[in-house]
Amino acid sequence: MSRTLASMVVVGALLLSGVVSSCGPSAPSKGDLTVYVAAPLSGWQADGGQTVVGGVRLAAQEINQRGGLLGYRVKVVGIDDEADSDVAAEVANEIAEAVRGGERVLGVIGHYNSGQAAAGLKVYKDLPIIVITPTASDPSLTQQGYRNFFRVNATDAAQGPYDADFLVNGLGAQRIVLVYAQNEYGEGLRAQMEAALDSLGRAPVEVIAIEEAADSHAQVIPRIKAADPDAIFLAGYETEGYILLPELREAGIEATFMASDGCFLYEFIDGSAKWAEGVYVSGITPDPKVVADERWWQAYRAVESRNPGTYSIAGYSAMTVMATGVTHARSLDAAAISQALREIDISTLIGPVRYDDKGDLTDQRVYIFQ
């Protein structure tokens, strides 16, 4: 479907009302500097995408209160990729048109999912902008030689071995069924998990594909039951998790259930209801309840009129990283910012950020929650 930038949701990162004292930082005076946030803002993954935008908005507001970036006011524009790779390609081309049309664009925070990030990067790689994904975990994204692309999250190359080790050595699982969503994310993490479990001498007793965002996964329940697992691992999103988990429990399958970071959302808990109790979920970013203080939560609520989600701090940290790159480079030139980001240590809400030459974190942190 066709779009124009004028029809998109524009979220301005506005200064808080109030008088700035004469000894405080000067208000941004050079005009606007646009940061696009490309994520699902409608449809089945809208909640996750909206929490990323909220985090970016809060970080931009704080930056503007400190005087902006090199005198420019950061303007945040949320743009909906609908969790669809074809739409993501359209979004990327629209951003490219804005850049070529003279809009002062600093960069893109996104995309939310690996498939959409891959589609967008085919366009972004040729633009003079910085791209930072808050959540896309496919290792291949940073193996293409893109110089303007970075992450603030761990990759599945770290998550797969960590989760496999937790299942085998942490939980003592003997018979593991590996279930994965049929999309770029699920298939990529499945490969990482299979390889890691094989290396631990605990190959899955079954590997089962399920449809993305289906209304039911009842057709695979008999196959899972016949495998007699003591642990089930899901490489998928919350939309698979909160459907599959209740169906397993209602079928009398009591095996330990563990899900990947795609289920690291409050929506997975809400959707799973009572069945969520005791479930394990891995995360490629920390929980905001652990790392963010009450002041930050209050500031987020003031901006968004809702509580932060699990990926709000990922969006917030991505904006922090982008802004720090500008500050250290003392330039809006993408090449200079990219070089600066590869040379400095950055303190963020998700922890210390240091990049390797590919744009991946040198310290890949994976978390397990129950």
Protein backbone atom coordinates (compact mmCIF):
# COMPACT_ATOMS: atom_id res chain seq x y z
CA MET A 1 0.00 0.00 0.00
CA SER A 2 1.28 3.48 -0.74
CA ARG A 3 2.20 5.98 1.93
CA THR A 4 3.45 9.52 2.23
CA LEU A 5 5.54 10.78 5.06
CA ALA A 6 2.88 13.40 5.71
CA SER A 7 0.41 10.65 6.62
CA MET A 8 2.67 8.98 9.12
CA VAL A 9 2.47 9.32 12.85
CA VAL A 10 4.81 12.11 13.83
CA VAL A 11 5.86 12.10 17.43
CA GLY A 12 7.68 15.26 18.40
CA ALA A 13 10.21 15.09 21.18
CA LEU A 14 9.05 18.31 22.84
CA LEU A 15 10.57 20.20 25.70
CA LEU A 16 8.75 19.91 29.00
CA SER A 17 6.77 23.02 29.80
CA GLY A 18 8.40 25.44 32.17
CA VAL A 19 10.91 28.24 32.27
CA VAL A 20 14.54 27.37 31.63
CA SER A 21 16.80 29.41 33.84
CA SER A 22 19.44 31.62 32.29
CA CYS A 23 22.19 29.41 33.63
CA GLY A 24 20.75 26.26 32.04
CA PRO A 25 21.48 24.91 28.57
CA SER A 26 20.36 26.91 25.57
CA ALA A 27 17.26 25.71 23.75
CA PRO A 28 17.93 24.06 20.38
CA SER A 29 17.87 26.83 17.79
CA LYS A 30 19.15 25.39 14.50
CA GLY A 31 15.99 23.50 13.53
CA ASP A 32 14.90 19.88 13.63
CA LEU A 33 17.00 16.74 13.35
CA THR A 34 14.81 13.74 12.53
CA VAL A 35 15.17 10.27 13.99
CA TYR A 36 12.81 7.71 12.49
CA VAL A 37 11.70 4.77 14.63
CA ALA A 38 10.76 1.88 12.33
CA ALA A 39 8.73 -0.76 14.14
CA PRO A 40 5.30 -2.44 14.13
CA LEU A 41 2.95 0.25 15.41
CA SER A 42 -0.24 -1.54 14.37
CA GLY A 43 -1.31 -5.16 14.24
CA TRP A 44 -0.17 -8.15 16.26
CA GLN A 45 3.18 -6.72 17.42
CA ALA A 46 2.06 -3.15 17.96
CA ASP A 47 2.58 -3.17 21.72
CA GLY A 48 6.27 -4.05 21.44
CA GLY A 49 6.91 -1.50 18.71
CA GLN A 50 5.09 1.25 20.57
CA THR A 51 7.17 0.66 23.70
CA VAL A 52 10.34 1.15 21.63
CA VAL A 53 9.00 4.46 20.29
CA GLY A 54 8.19 5.53 23.84
CA GLY A 55 11.74 4.92 24.98
CA VAL A 56 13.15 6.89 22.05
CA ARG A 57 10.75 9.76 22.74
CA LEU A 58 11.83 9.99 26.38
CA ALA A 59 15.54 9.97 25.49
CA ALA A 60 14.98 12.64 22.82
CA GLN A 61 13.04 14.82 25.24
CA GLU A 62 15.91 14.65 27.74
CA ILE A 63 18.42 15.46 25.00
CA ASN A 64 16.39 18.49 23.94
CA GLN A 65 16.17 19.69 27.52
CA ARG A 66 19.98 19.66 27.58
CA GLY A 67 20.17 21.82 24.47
CA GLY A 68 19.68 19.25 21.71
CA LEU A 69 22.37 17.81 19.47
CA LEU A 70 24.85 20.35 18.14
CA GLY A 71 22.11 22.94 18.52
CA TYR A 72 19.40 20.93 16.73
CA ARG A 73 16.14 19.72 18.28
CA VAL A 74 15.69 15.95 17.99
CA LYS A 75 12.33 15.13 16.40
CA VAL A 76 11.13 11.53 16.70
CA VAL A 77 8.98 10.11 13.91
CA GLY A 78 7.39 6.73 14.47
CA ILE A 79 6.84 4.83 11.24
CA ASP A 80 4.86 1.60 11.01
CA ASP A 81 6.46 -1.39 9.27
CA GLU A 82 3.52 -3.62 10.30
CA ALA A 83 5.97 -6.47 11.12
CA ASP A 84 6.03 -7.15 7.38
CA SER A 85 9.24 -7.21 5.34
CA ASP A 86 7.61 -5.87 2.17
CA VAL A 87 6.20 -2.95 4.13
CA ALA A 88 9.60 -2.46 5.78
CA ALA A 89 11.16 -2.07 2.33
CA GLU A 90 8.52 0.57 1.49
CA VAL A 91 9.27 2.35 4.76
CA ALA A 92 13.01 2.34 4.02
CA ASN A 93 12.42 3.80 0.57
CA GLU A 94 10.20 6.53 2.01
CA ILE A 95 12.94 7.46 4.47
CA ALA A 96 15.42 7.47 1.58
CA GLU A 97 13.15 9.86 -0.32
CA ALA A 98 13.05 12.16 2.70
CA VAL A 99 16.84 12.17 2.94
CA ARG A 100 17.28 12.84 -0.77
CA GLY A 101 14.59 15.50 -0.59
CA GLY A 102 16.67 17.51 1.85
CA GLU A 103 15.21 16.52 5.22
CA ARG A 104 17.89 16.59 7.91
CA VAL A 105 17.76 12.93 9.03
CA LEU A 106 20.16 11.70 11.68
CA GLY A 107 19.15 8.08 11.50
CA VAL A 108 16.77 5.20 12.04
CA ILE A 109 16.15 3.28 15.24
CA GLY A 110 14.86 -0.05 14.00
CA HIS A 111 13.70 -2.27 12.76
CA TYR A 112 12.10 -4.21 15.60
CA ASN A 113 12.34 -7.64 13.91
CA SER A 114 15.24 -9.22 12.07
CA GLY A 115 13.33 -9.84 8.83
CA GLN A 116 12.25 -6.23 8.56
CA ALA A 117 15.72 -5.02 9.54
CA ALA A 118 17.23 -7.08 6.71
CA ALA A 119 14.76 -5.59 4.23
CA GLY A 120 15.42 -2.03 5.39
CA LEU A 121 19.20 -2.34 5.45
CA LYS A 122 19.28 -3.00 1.72
CA VAL A 123 18.25 0.65 1.39
CA TYR A 124 19.81 2.21 4.50
CA LYS A 125 23.31 0.96 3.66
CA ASP A 126 23.54 3.54 0.88
CA LEU A 127 22.19 6.48 2.89
CA PRO A 128 24.22 8.97 4.98
CA ILE A 129 22.43 8.00 8.20
CA ILE A 130 23.02 5.88 11.33
CA VAL A 131 20.86 2.80 11.90
CA ILE A 132 20.58 1.21 15.36
CA THR A 133 18.29 -1.72 16.00
CA PRO A 134 16.94 -2.02 19.54
CA THR A 135 15.94 -5.69 19.26
CA ALA A 136 16.78 -7.46 15.96
CA SER A 137 18.96 -10.47 16.85
CA ASP A 138 19.77 -12.34 13.62
CA PRO A 139 23.61 -12.58 13.54
CA SER A 140 23.72 -12.26 9.75
CA LEU A 141 22.56 -8.62 9.89
CA THR A 142 26.01 -7.47 11.01
CA GLN A 143 27.88 -9.81 8.67
CA GLN A 144 27.12 -7.86 5.50
CA GLY A 145 29.79 -5.19 5.90
CA TYR A 146 27.36 -2.36 6.68
CA ARG A 147 29.34 0.47 8.28
CA ASN A 148 26.34 2.47 9.50
CA PHE A 149 24.48 -0.31 11.35
CA PHE A 150 24.67 -1.12 15.08
CA ARG A 151 22.70 -2.99 17.76
CA VAL A 152 22.07 -2.42 21.44
CA ASN A 153 21.01 -6.05 22.01
CA ALA A 154 22.73 -9.42 22.05
CA THR A 155 22.44 -11.65 18.97
CA ASP A 156 21.05 -15.16 18.62
CA ALA A 157 24.64 -16.39 18.28
CA ALA A 158 24.91 -15.54 21.99
CA GLN A 159 21.33 -16.35 22.98
CA GLY A 160 21.23 -19.84 21.45
CA PRO A 161 24.27 -21.28 23.30
CA TYR A 162 23.31 -19.54 26.54
CA ASP A 163 19.76 -20.87 26.49
CA ALA A 164 20.89 -24.36 25.49
CA ASP A 165 23.36 -24.45 28.36
CA PHE A 166 20.66 -23.30 30.78
CA LEU A 167 18.32 -26.06 29.64
CA VAL A 168 20.96 -28.81 29.82
CA ASN A 169 23.18 -27.76 32.72
CA GLY A 170 20.90 -25.39 34.60
CA LEU A 171 17.66 -27.38 34.45
CA GLY A 172 19.06 -30.83 33.71
CA ALA A 173 16.72 -31.36 30.76
CA GLN A 174 17.14 -34.74 29.04
CA ARG A 175 14.43 -34.78 26.38
CA ILE A 176 14.08 -31.39 24.74
CA VAL A 177 11.51 -30.52 22.08
CA LEU A 178 12.48 -27.47 20.01
CA VAL A 179 9.53 -25.55 18.55
CA TYR A 180 10.11 -22.60 16.22
CA ALA A 181 8.06 -20.02 14.36
CA GLN A 182 8.28 -20.12 10.58
CA ASN A 183 9.86 -16.72 10.07
CA GLU A 184 13.39 -15.32 9.81
CA TYR A 185 13.72 -14.94 13.56
CA GLY A 186 12.39 -18.35 14.51
CA GLU A 187 14.35 -20.21 11.86
CA GLY A 188 17.60 -18.43 12.69
CA LEU A 189 17.33 -19.08 16.41
CA ARG A 190 16.31 -22.69 15.78
CA ALA A 191 19.58 -23.24 13.91
CA GLN A 192 21.56 -21.69 16.77
CA MET A 193 19.74 -23.80 19.38
CA GLU A 194 20.12 -27.04 17.42
CA ALA A 195 23.85 -26.50 17.00
CA ALA A 196 24.31 -25.59 20.66
CA LEU A 197 22.30 -28.57 21.95
CA ASP A 198 24.20 -30.91 19.64
CA SER A 199 27.50 -29.60 21.00
CA LEU A 200 26.28 -30.37 24.53
CA GLY A 201 25.40 -33.93 23.54
CA ARG A 202 21.68 -33.26 23.98
CA ALA A 203 20.19 -33.10 20.49
CA PRO A 204 16.45 -32.26 20.47
CA VAL A 205 14.16 -35.27 20.40
CA GLU A 206 11.86 -33.31 18.09
CA VAL A 207 12.17 -30.10 16.06
CA ILE A 208 8.76 -28.73 15.13
CA ALA A 209 7.77 -25.73 13.00
CA ILE A 210 4.64 -23.70 13.78
CA GLU A 211 2.93 -20.93 11.85
CA GLU A 212 3.62 -17.35 12.86
CA ALA A 213 0.76 -15.68 14.78
CA ALA A 214 -1.68 -18.55 14.19
CA ASP A 215 -4.90 -18.75 16.19
CA SER A 216 -4.06 -22.29 17.31
CA HIS A 217 -1.16 -24.74 17.30
CA ALA A 218 -3.36 -27.72 18.19
CA GLN A 219 -2.09 -29.69 15.20
CA VAL A 220 1.41 -30.07 16.73
CA ILE A 221 0.28 -30.92 20.27
CA PRO A 222 0.00 -34.70 19.63
CA ARG A 223 3.49 -34.75 18.13
CA ILE A 224 4.93 -32.91 21.14
CA LYS A 225 3.11 -35.21 23.53
CA ALA A 226 4.38 -38.32 21.73
CA ALA A 227 7.98 -37.06 22.14
CA ASP A 228 7.54 -37.25 25.94
CA PRO A 229 9.65 -34.14 26.64
CA ASP A 230 10.82 -32.89 29.99
CA ALA A 231 11.51 -29.45 28.46
CA ILE A 232 10.05 -27.51 25.54
CA PHE A 233 11.86 -24.52 24.03
CA LEU A 234 10.03 -22.03 21.82
CA ALA A 235 11.96 -19.89 19.37
CA GLY A 236 9.16 -17.48 18.55
CA TYR A 237 7.26 -14.34 19.42
CA GLU A 238 4.71 -13.70 22.15
CA THR A 239 1.93 -14.36 19.63
CA GLU A 240 3.09 -17.97 19.35
CA GLY A 241 3.91 -18.26 23.05
CA TYR A 242 0.57 -17.26 24.52
CA ILE A 243 -1.23 -19.62 22.14
CA LEU A 244 1.07 -22.64 22.39
CA LEU A 245 1.64 -22.62 26.16
CA PRO A 246 -2.02 -22.82 27.24
CA GLU A 247 -2.71 -25.50 24.62
CA LEU A 248 0.17 -27.58 25.96
CA ARG A 249 -1.04 -27.30 29.54
CA GLU A 250 -4.66 -27.99 28.64
CA ALA A 251 -3.46 -31.14 26.86
CA GLY A 252 -1.81 -32.29 30.09
CA ILE A 253 1.78 -31.65 28.94
CA GLU A 254 3.58 -30.45 32.06
CA ALA A 255 7.13 -30.27 30.67
CA THR A 256 9.21 -27.24 31.63
CA PHE A 257 8.49 -24.45 29.13
CA MET A 258 11.14 -21.96 28.08
CA ALA A 259 10.77 -19.26 25.45
CA SER A 260 13.21 -16.99 23.65
CA ASP A 261 13.41 -13.20 23.79
CA GLY A 262 10.50 -12.91 21.35
CA CYS A 263 8.28 -13.68 24.36
CA PHE A 264 10.07 -11.21 26.63
CA LEU A 265 7.04 -8.95 26.80
CA TYR A 266 4.39 -8.36 29.44
CA GLU A 267 1.85 -9.22 26.75
CA PHE A 268 3.12 -12.84 26.78
CA ILE A 269 2.37 -13.06 30.51
CA ASP A 270 -1.05 -11.43 30.13
CA GLY A 271 -1.98 -13.61 27.16
CA SER A 272 -0.83 -16.84 28.83
CA ALA A 273 -2.75 -15.97 32.03
CA LYS A 274 -2.32 -18.56 34.80
CA TRP A 275 -0.14 -20.78 32.59
CA ALA A 276 2.67 -18.20 32.63
CA GLU A 277 3.53 -19.03 36.22
CA GLY A 278 6.94 -20.73 36.43
CA VAL A 279 7.79 -20.34 32.74
CA TYR A 280 11.35 -19.35 31.77
CA VAL A 281 12.03 -16.61 29.20
CA SER A 282 15.40 -15.45 27.94
CA GLY A 283 16.09 -11.82 27.20
CA ILE A 284 18.64 -10.02 25.04
CA THR A 285 18.10 -6.80 26.97
CA PRO A 286 17.53 -6.43 30.74
CA ASP A 287 14.19 -5.91 32.43
CA PRO A 288 13.34 -2.21 32.99
CA LYS A 289 11.99 -3.15 36.43
CA VAL A 290 15.55 -4.09 37.37
CA VAL A 291 17.68 -1.39 35.72
CA ALA A 292 15.47 1.73 35.64
CA ASP A 293 14.77 3.76 38.78
CA GLU A 294 11.48 5.32 39.81
CA ARG A 295 12.46 8.72 38.40
CA TRP A 296 12.86 7.14 34.96
CA TRP A 297 9.51 5.33 35.24
CA GLN A 298 7.77 8.56 36.20
CA ALA A 299 9.41 10.42 33.31
CA TYR A 300 8.32 7.70 30.89
CA ARG A 301 4.73 7.83 32.15
CA ALA A 302 4.73 11.61 31.72
CA VAL A 303 5.73 11.23 28.06
CA GLU A 304 3.66 8.17 27.13
CA SER A 305 0.75 8.14 29.62
CA ARG A 306 1.41 4.43 30.17
CA ASN A 307 3.95 2.21 31.86
CA PRO A 308 7.11 1.27 29.95
CA GLY A 309 7.29 -2.12 28.27
CA THR A 310 10.20 -4.50 28.30
CA TYR A 311 11.73 -2.92 25.19
CA SER A 312 11.24 0.71 26.20
CA ILE A 313 14.75 0.73 27.62
CA ALA A 314 16.09 -0.70 24.35
CA GLY A 315 14.63 2.23 22.41
CA TYR A 316 15.85 4.66 25.07
CA SER A 317 19.36 3.20 24.96
CA ALA A 318 19.48 3.18 21.15
CA MET A 319 18.71 6.91 21.13
CA THR A 320 21.33 7.44 23.83
CA VAL A 321 23.94 5.63 21.73
CA MET A 322 23.08 7.59 18.59
CA ALA A 323 23.27 10.91 20.43
CA THR A 324 26.56 9.99 22.13
CA GLY A 325 28.05 9.19 18.73
CA VAL A 326 27.11 12.66 17.50
CA THR A 327 28.56 14.31 20.60
CA HIS A 328 31.88 12.48 20.35
CA ALA A 329 32.16 12.99 16.60
CA ARG A 330 31.13 16.65 16.98
CA SER A 331 29.48 16.14 13.64
CA LEU A 332 26.27 15.01 11.96
CA ASP A 333 28.25 13.20 9.30
CA ALA A 334 27.28 9.51 9.36
CA ALA A 335 30.79 8.26 8.61
CA ALA A 336 32.25 10.31 11.46
CA ILE A 337 29.54 9.12 13.87
CA SER A 338 30.06 5.49 12.83
CA GLN A 339 33.78 5.79 13.46
CA ALA A 340 33.19 7.41 16.86
CA LEU A 341 30.82 4.63 17.90
CA ARG A 342 33.53 2.06 17.18
CA GLU A 343 36.05 3.89 19.36
CA ILE A 344 34.21 4.86 22.55
CA ASP A 345 32.61 3.27 25.60
CA ILE A 346 29.03 4.39 26.19
CA SER A 347 27.06 4.19 29.42
CA THR A 348 23.39 3.33 28.81
CA LEU A 349 20.40 2.10 30.75
CA ILE A 350 20.95 -1.42 29.38
CA GLY A 351 24.56 -1.34 30.59
CA PRO A 352 27.95 -0.48 29.06
CA VAL A 353 28.06 -0.40 25.26
CA ARG A 354 31.23 -1.06 23.31
CA TYR A 355 31.18 -2.04 19.64
CA ASP A 356 33.28 -4.38 17.57
CA ASP A 357 34.08 -3.55 13.96
CA LYS A 358 30.85 -5.16 12.71
CA GLY A 359 28.58 -3.07 14.94
CA ASP A 360 27.83 -5.80 17.48
CA LEU A 361 28.26 -5.43 21.23
CA THR A 362 31.61 -6.76 22.41
CA ASP A 363 29.87 -7.83 25.62
CA GLN A 364 26.90 -9.97 24.62
CA ARG A 365 24.57 -10.14 27.61
CA VAL A 366 21.75 -12.69 27.82
CA TYR A 367 19.31 -12.90 30.73
CA ILE A 368 17.02 -15.65 32.02
CA PHE A 369 13.77 -14.72 33.77
CA GLN A 370 11.16 -16.89 35.45
